C-alpha cells in the first residue's frame, strides 16, 4: 500500500495538519512537495500520509519518533518560511494537532492490533 506510511514501533507521535486552501496555487504545490521531501528526510520522521479534497480541504499526518524531532522540524528555517506563506497566502484556516500514538491497527486482513 504505497499511500500508507509504514507502522513504526510504538509509541510514536502523529502531527495532524488539517487545512482549507485559498483559491489559486501561488507557489503552493512546489513548496508542499519540497516540504514533504524535507520532512521525510528529517531525523525522527517515520512517514507521512496526505490527501486533499477537490474543494481545497486537506489532511496531512506525519509520524515522528519523539517530540524533539517534531520541534526541530517546526523550527527548520525553510519550514518557517513555508509556515509564514501558509498563513499569509495559502490557507483560509488550519488546525494542527500533536498526538501520542500508543496503539495502531491495520486491515481488513489481520485486524488484530499491532503491538510492538
N, C-alpha and C. Protein backbone atom coordinates (compact mmCIF):
# COMPACT_ATOMS: atom_id res chain seq x y z
N UNK A 1 0.85 -1.19 0.00
CA UNK A 1 0.00 0.00 0.00
C UNK A 1 0.89 1.25 0.00
N UNK A 2 1.24 1.77 -1.15
CA UNK A 2 2.20 2.87 -1.22
C UNK A 2 1.72 4.18 -0.61
N UNK A 3 0.41 4.41 -0.49
CA UNK A 3 -0.08 5.66 0.08
C UNK A 3 -0.09 5.65 1.60
N UNK A 4 0.09 4.47 2.19
CA UNK A 4 0.09 4.35 3.64
C UNK A 4 1.51 4.41 4.17
N UNK A 5 1.71 5.18 5.24
CA UNK A 5 3.01 5.19 5.90
C UNK A 5 3.18 3.85 6.61
N UNK A 6 4.40 3.37 6.74
CA UNK A 6 4.61 2.12 7.47
C UNK A 6 4.25 2.31 8.95
N UNK A 7 3.83 1.24 9.59
CA UNK A 7 3.52 1.31 11.01
C UNK A 7 4.81 1.10 11.80
N UNK A 8 5.31 2.17 12.40
CA UNK A 8 6.58 2.06 13.15
C UNK A 8 6.36 1.45 14.53
N UNK A 9 7.44 1.21 15.21
CA UNK A 9 7.36 0.69 16.58
C UNK A 9 6.66 1.70 17.48
N UNK A 10 5.83 1.18 18.37
CA UNK A 10 5.11 2.02 19.32
C UNK A 10 5.99 2.36 20.52
N UNK A 11 5.71 3.45 21.19
CA UNK A 11 4.85 4.56 20.79
C UNK A 11 5.58 5.50 19.84
N UNK A 12 4.80 6.34 19.16
CA UNK A 12 5.35 7.38 18.30
C UNK A 12 4.35 8.53 18.28
N UNK A 13 4.73 9.64 17.66
CA UNK A 13 3.88 10.81 17.63
C UNK A 13 3.30 11.01 16.23
N UNK A 14 2.09 11.56 16.19
CA UNK A 14 1.46 11.95 14.93
C UNK A 14 1.20 13.45 14.98
N UNK A 15 1.61 14.14 13.94
CA UNK A 15 1.29 15.55 13.76
C UNK A 15 0.21 15.60 12.68
N UNK A 16 -0.97 16.08 13.05
CA UNK A 16 -2.14 16.06 12.18
C UNK A 16 -2.42 17.50 11.76
N UNK A 17 -2.22 17.78 10.48
CA UNK A 17 -2.41 19.13 9.94
C UNK A 17 -3.61 19.09 9.01
N UNK A 18 -4.69 19.80 9.37
CA UNK A 18 -5.86 19.92 8.51
C UNK A 18 -5.96 21.37 8.08
N UNK A 19 -6.27 21.58 6.81
CA UNK A 19 -6.28 22.95 6.30
C UNK A 19 -7.25 23.12 5.15
N UNK A 20 -7.80 24.31 5.07
CA UNK A 20 -8.61 24.72 3.92
C UNK A 20 -7.76 25.65 3.08
N UNK A 21 -7.51 25.26 1.83
CA UNK A 21 -6.71 26.06 0.90
C UNK A 21 -7.49 27.26 0.40
N UNK A 22 -6.77 28.35 0.16
CA UNK A 22 -7.33 29.52 -0.51
C UNK A 22 -7.36 29.23 -2.01
N UNK A 23 -8.02 30.06 -2.77
CA UNK A 23 -8.07 29.93 -4.24
C UNK A 23 -6.69 30.17 -4.84
N UNK A 24 -6.37 29.46 -5.91
CA UNK A 24 -5.12 29.67 -6.64
C UNK A 24 -3.95 28.92 -6.02
N UNK A 25 -2.95 28.66 -6.84
CA UNK A 25 -1.79 27.90 -6.36
C UNK A 25 -0.76 28.79 -5.66
N UNK A 26 -0.38 29.88 -6.29
CA UNK A 26 0.56 30.86 -5.70
C UNK A 26 1.83 30.22 -5.16
N UNK A 27 2.33 29.18 -5.86
CA UNK A 27 3.56 28.51 -5.45
C UNK A 27 3.36 27.41 -4.42
N UNK A 28 2.11 27.12 -4.07
CA UNK A 28 1.83 26.14 -3.02
C UNK A 28 2.34 24.74 -3.38
N UNK A 29 2.01 24.26 -4.57
CA UNK A 29 2.34 22.88 -4.94
C UNK A 29 3.83 22.61 -4.87
N UNK A 30 4.62 23.52 -5.42
CA UNK A 30 6.08 23.34 -5.39
C UNK A 30 6.59 23.33 -3.96
N UNK A 31 6.09 24.24 -3.13
CA UNK A 31 6.55 24.31 -1.74
C UNK A 31 6.09 23.08 -0.96
N UNK A 32 4.85 22.65 -1.18
CA UNK A 32 4.35 21.47 -0.46
C UNK A 32 5.17 20.23 -0.81
N UNK A 33 5.52 20.07 -2.07
CA UNK A 33 6.36 18.95 -2.49
C UNK A 33 7.73 19.02 -1.82
N UNK A 34 8.31 20.21 -1.80
CA UNK A 34 9.62 20.39 -1.17
C UNK A 34 9.56 20.12 0.33
N UNK A 35 8.53 20.61 1.00
CA UNK A 35 8.39 20.41 2.44
C UNK A 35 8.18 18.93 2.77
N UNK A 36 7.40 18.23 1.96
CA UNK A 36 7.21 16.79 2.19
C UNK A 36 8.53 16.05 2.08
N UNK A 37 9.29 16.33 1.03
CA UNK A 37 10.59 15.68 0.85
C UNK A 37 11.53 15.99 2.00
N UNK A 38 11.55 17.26 2.42
CA UNK A 38 12.43 17.65 3.53
C UNK A 38 12.00 16.99 4.83
N UNK A 39 10.70 16.98 5.12
CA UNK A 39 10.22 16.36 6.36
C UNK A 39 10.59 14.88 6.39
N UNK A 40 10.34 14.19 5.28
CA UNK A 40 10.62 12.76 5.23
C UNK A 40 12.10 12.44 5.39
N UNK A 41 12.98 13.39 5.06
CA UNK A 41 14.42 13.15 5.24
C UNK A 41 14.94 13.72 6.56
N UNK A 42 14.05 14.30 7.36
CA UNK A 42 14.46 14.86 8.65
C UNK A 42 14.65 13.76 9.68
N UNK A 43 15.65 13.92 10.53
CA UNK A 43 15.84 12.92 11.61
C UNK A 43 14.58 12.80 12.45
N UNK A 44 14.15 11.58 12.67
CA UNK A 44 12.99 11.33 13.51
C UNK A 44 11.68 11.22 12.77
N UNK A 45 11.62 11.59 11.49
CA UNK A 45 10.38 11.45 10.73
C UNK A 45 10.25 9.99 10.29
N UNK A 46 9.10 9.40 10.60
CA UNK A 46 8.86 7.98 10.34
C UNK A 46 8.01 7.72 9.11
N UNK A 47 7.32 8.75 8.62
CA UNK A 47 6.46 8.58 7.46
C UNK A 47 5.41 9.67 7.41
N UNK A 48 4.62 9.64 6.33
CA UNK A 48 3.62 10.69 6.12
C UNK A 48 2.50 10.15 5.23
N UNK A 49 1.29 10.64 5.51
CA UNK A 49 0.12 10.36 4.67
C UNK A 49 -0.59 11.68 4.43
N UNK A 50 -1.08 11.88 3.20
CA UNK A 50 -1.70 13.16 2.87
C UNK A 50 -2.79 12.97 1.84
N UNK A 51 -3.85 13.76 1.95
CA UNK A 51 -4.92 13.75 0.97
C UNK A 51 -5.54 15.15 0.90
N UNK A 52 -6.09 15.48 -0.26
CA UNK A 52 -6.73 16.78 -0.42
C UNK A 52 -8.00 16.60 -1.24
N UNK A 53 -9.09 17.19 -0.77
CA UNK A 53 -10.38 17.19 -1.44
C UNK A 53 -10.34 18.22 -2.57
N UNK A 54 -11.09 18.00 -3.62
CA UNK A 54 -11.12 18.93 -4.76
C UNK A 54 -11.52 20.34 -4.33
N UNK A 55 -12.28 20.47 -3.25
CA UNK A 55 -12.69 21.78 -2.74
C UNK A 55 -11.62 22.49 -1.92
N UNK A 56 -10.45 21.85 -1.77
CA UNK A 56 -9.34 22.50 -1.09
C UNK A 56 -9.09 22.07 0.34
N UNK A 57 -9.96 21.26 0.93
CA UNK A 57 -9.72 20.78 2.28
C UNK A 57 -8.73 19.63 2.23
N UNK A 58 -7.71 19.67 3.08
CA UNK A 58 -6.70 18.62 3.08
C UNK A 58 -6.30 18.21 4.47
N UNK A 59 -5.77 17.00 4.55
CA UNK A 59 -5.25 16.45 5.80
C UNK A 59 -3.89 15.83 5.50
N UNK A 60 -2.91 16.21 6.29
CA UNK A 60 -1.59 15.58 6.24
C UNK A 60 -1.25 15.11 7.65
N UNK A 61 -0.89 13.86 7.75
CA UNK A 61 -0.46 13.30 9.03
C UNK A 61 1.00 12.86 8.85
N UNK A 62 1.86 13.42 9.68
CA UNK A 62 3.26 12.98 9.68
C UNK A 62 3.52 12.28 11.00
N UNK A 63 4.38 11.27 10.96
CA UNK A 63 4.67 10.43 12.12
C UNK A 63 6.12 10.65 12.54
N UNK A 64 6.32 10.78 13.84
CA UNK A 64 7.63 11.17 14.38
C UNK A 64 8.02 10.28 15.55
N UNK A 65 9.30 10.06 15.68
CA UNK A 65 9.86 9.23 16.75
C UNK A 65 9.65 9.87 18.12
N UNK A 66 9.82 11.21 18.21
CA UNK A 66 9.74 11.87 19.52
C UNK A 66 9.42 13.36 19.33
N UNK A 67 9.10 14.02 20.44
CA UNK A 67 8.75 15.43 20.40
C UNK A 67 9.93 16.31 19.98
N UNK A 68 11.14 15.93 20.34
CA UNK A 68 12.32 16.71 19.95
C UNK A 68 12.44 16.78 18.43
N UNK A 69 12.14 15.68 17.75
CA UNK A 69 12.19 15.67 16.28
C UNK A 69 11.12 16.58 15.69
N UNK A 70 9.93 16.59 16.29
CA UNK A 70 8.86 17.48 15.83
C UNK A 70 9.26 18.93 16.00
N UNK A 71 9.81 19.27 17.16
CA UNK A 71 10.22 20.65 17.42
C UNK A 71 11.35 21.10 16.50
N UNK A 72 12.27 20.19 16.19
CA UNK A 72 13.36 20.53 15.27
C UNK A 72 12.80 20.82 13.88
N UNK A 73 11.84 20.02 13.42
CA UNK A 73 11.22 20.26 12.12
C UNK A 73 10.44 21.57 12.13
N UNK A 74 9.71 21.83 13.19
CA UNK A 74 8.95 23.07 13.29
C UNK A 74 9.85 24.29 13.19
N UNK A 75 11.06 24.19 13.72
CA UNK A 75 12.00 25.31 13.76
C UNK A 75 12.93 25.39 12.54
N UNK A 76 12.85 24.44 11.61
CA UNK A 76 13.69 24.47 10.41
C UNK A 76 13.45 25.77 9.65
N UNK A 77 14.52 26.43 9.23
CA UNK A 77 14.42 27.75 8.59
C UNK A 77 13.53 27.73 7.35
N UNK A 78 13.69 26.74 6.47
CA UNK A 78 12.87 26.69 5.26
C UNK A 78 11.41 26.36 5.60
N UNK A 79 11.21 25.54 6.62
CA UNK A 79 9.85 25.22 7.06
C UNK A 79 9.19 26.46 7.66
N UNK A 80 9.95 27.29 8.37
CA UNK A 80 9.40 28.53 8.92
C UNK A 80 8.90 29.45 7.81
N UNK A 81 9.64 29.52 6.70
CA UNK A 81 9.21 30.32 5.56
C UNK A 81 7.89 29.77 5.01
N UNK A 82 7.80 28.44 4.86
CA UNK A 82 6.58 27.82 4.35
C UNK A 82 5.41 28.06 5.31
N UNK A 83 5.66 28.00 6.60
CA UNK A 83 4.60 28.25 7.58
C UNK A 83 4.05 29.67 7.42
N UNK A 84 4.94 30.63 7.26
CA UNK A 84 4.51 32.02 7.11
C UNK A 84 3.73 32.23 5.81
N UNK A 85 4.20 31.63 4.73
CA UNK A 85 3.48 31.72 3.46
C UNK A 85 2.10 31.06 3.57
N UNK A 86 2.02 29.97 4.32
CA UNK A 86 0.74 29.33 4.54
C UNK A 86 -0.24 30.26 5.23
N UNK A 87 0.22 30.96 6.25
CA UNK A 87 -0.63 31.90 6.98
C UNK A 87 -1.02 33.09 6.11
N UNK A 88 -0.07 33.59 5.32
CA UNK A 88 -0.29 34.81 4.53
C UNK A 88 -1.01 34.56 3.21
N UNK A 89 -0.82 33.37 2.61
CA UNK A 89 -1.20 33.20 1.22
C UNK A 89 -2.03 31.95 0.91
N UNK A 90 -1.74 30.82 1.55
CA UNK A 90 -2.27 29.56 1.08
C UNK A 90 -3.47 29.02 1.82
N UNK A 91 -3.65 29.35 3.09
CA UNK A 91 -4.72 28.75 3.88
C UNK A 91 -5.71 29.79 4.37
N UNK A 92 -7.00 29.45 4.29
CA UNK A 92 -8.02 30.31 4.90
C UNK A 92 -8.24 29.90 6.35
N UNK A 93 -7.91 28.65 6.69
CA UNK A 93 -7.98 28.17 8.07
C UNK A 93 -7.19 26.88 8.16
N UNK A 94 -6.60 26.63 9.33
CA UNK A 94 -5.94 25.34 9.56
C UNK A 94 -5.98 24.99 11.03
N UNK A 95 -5.82 23.71 11.30
CA UNK A 95 -5.66 23.17 12.66
C UNK A 95 -4.45 22.27 12.65
N UNK A 96 -3.70 22.29 13.74
CA UNK A 96 -2.57 21.39 13.90
C UNK A 96 -2.72 20.71 15.26
N UNK A 97 -2.60 19.40 15.23
CA UNK A 97 -2.71 18.62 16.46
C UNK A 97 -1.50 17.70 16.56
N UNK A 98 -1.03 17.49 17.77
CA UNK A 98 0.07 16.56 18.02
C UNK A 98 -0.46 15.51 18.99
N UNK A 99 -0.30 14.24 18.61
CA UNK A 99 -0.84 13.15 19.42
C UNK A 99 0.20 12.06 19.61
N UNK A 100 0.16 11.44 20.76
CA UNK A 100 0.99 10.26 21.03
C UNK A 100 0.20 9.03 20.59
N UNK A 101 0.78 8.23 19.73
CA UNK A 101 0.12 7.01 19.25
C UNK A 101 0.63 5.85 20.11
N UNK A 102 -0.29 5.22 20.81
CA UNK A 102 0.06 4.11 21.69
C UNK A 102 -0.46 2.78 21.18
N UNK A 103 -1.31 2.82 20.15
CA UNK A 103 -1.90 1.62 19.59
C UNK A 103 -2.17 1.89 18.12
N UNK A 104 -1.96 0.90 17.27
CA UNK A 104 -2.35 1.04 15.87
C UNK A 104 -2.83 -0.31 15.33
N UNK A 105 -3.65 -0.21 14.31
CA UNK A 105 -4.28 -1.38 13.69
C UNK A 105 -4.08 -1.30 12.19
N UNK A 106 -4.22 -2.42 11.53
CA UNK A 106 -4.14 -2.47 10.08
C UNK A 106 -5.19 -3.47 9.60
N UNK A 107 -5.74 -3.28 8.41
CA UNK A 107 -6.75 -4.24 7.98
C UNK A 107 -7.17 -3.98 6.54
N UNK A 108 -8.15 -4.74 6.04
CA UNK A 108 -9.00 -5.63 6.82
C UNK A 108 -8.35 -6.96 7.16
N UNK A 109 -7.34 -7.36 6.42
CA UNK A 109 -6.65 -8.61 6.77
C UNK A 109 -5.92 -8.43 8.10
N UNK A 110 -5.98 -9.39 8.96
CA UNK A 110 -5.25 -9.31 10.22
C UNK A 110 -5.70 -8.15 11.07
N UNK A 111 -6.96 -8.05 11.41
CA UNK A 111 -7.50 -6.89 12.12
C UNK A 111 -7.07 -6.81 13.57
N UNK A 112 -6.31 -7.74 14.05
CA UNK A 112 -5.84 -7.67 15.43
C UNK A 112 -4.89 -6.47 15.57
N UNK A 113 -4.88 -5.84 16.74
CA UNK A 113 -3.97 -4.69 16.92
C UNK A 113 -2.52 -5.11 16.78
N UNK A 114 -1.74 -4.20 16.24
CA UNK A 114 -0.30 -4.41 16.13
C UNK A 114 0.32 -3.84 17.39
N UNK A 115 1.00 -4.64 18.14
CA UNK A 115 1.66 -4.16 19.36
C UNK A 115 3.15 -4.43 19.22
N UNK A 116 3.92 -3.39 19.34
CA UNK A 116 5.38 -3.53 19.22
C UNK A 116 6.03 -3.42 20.58
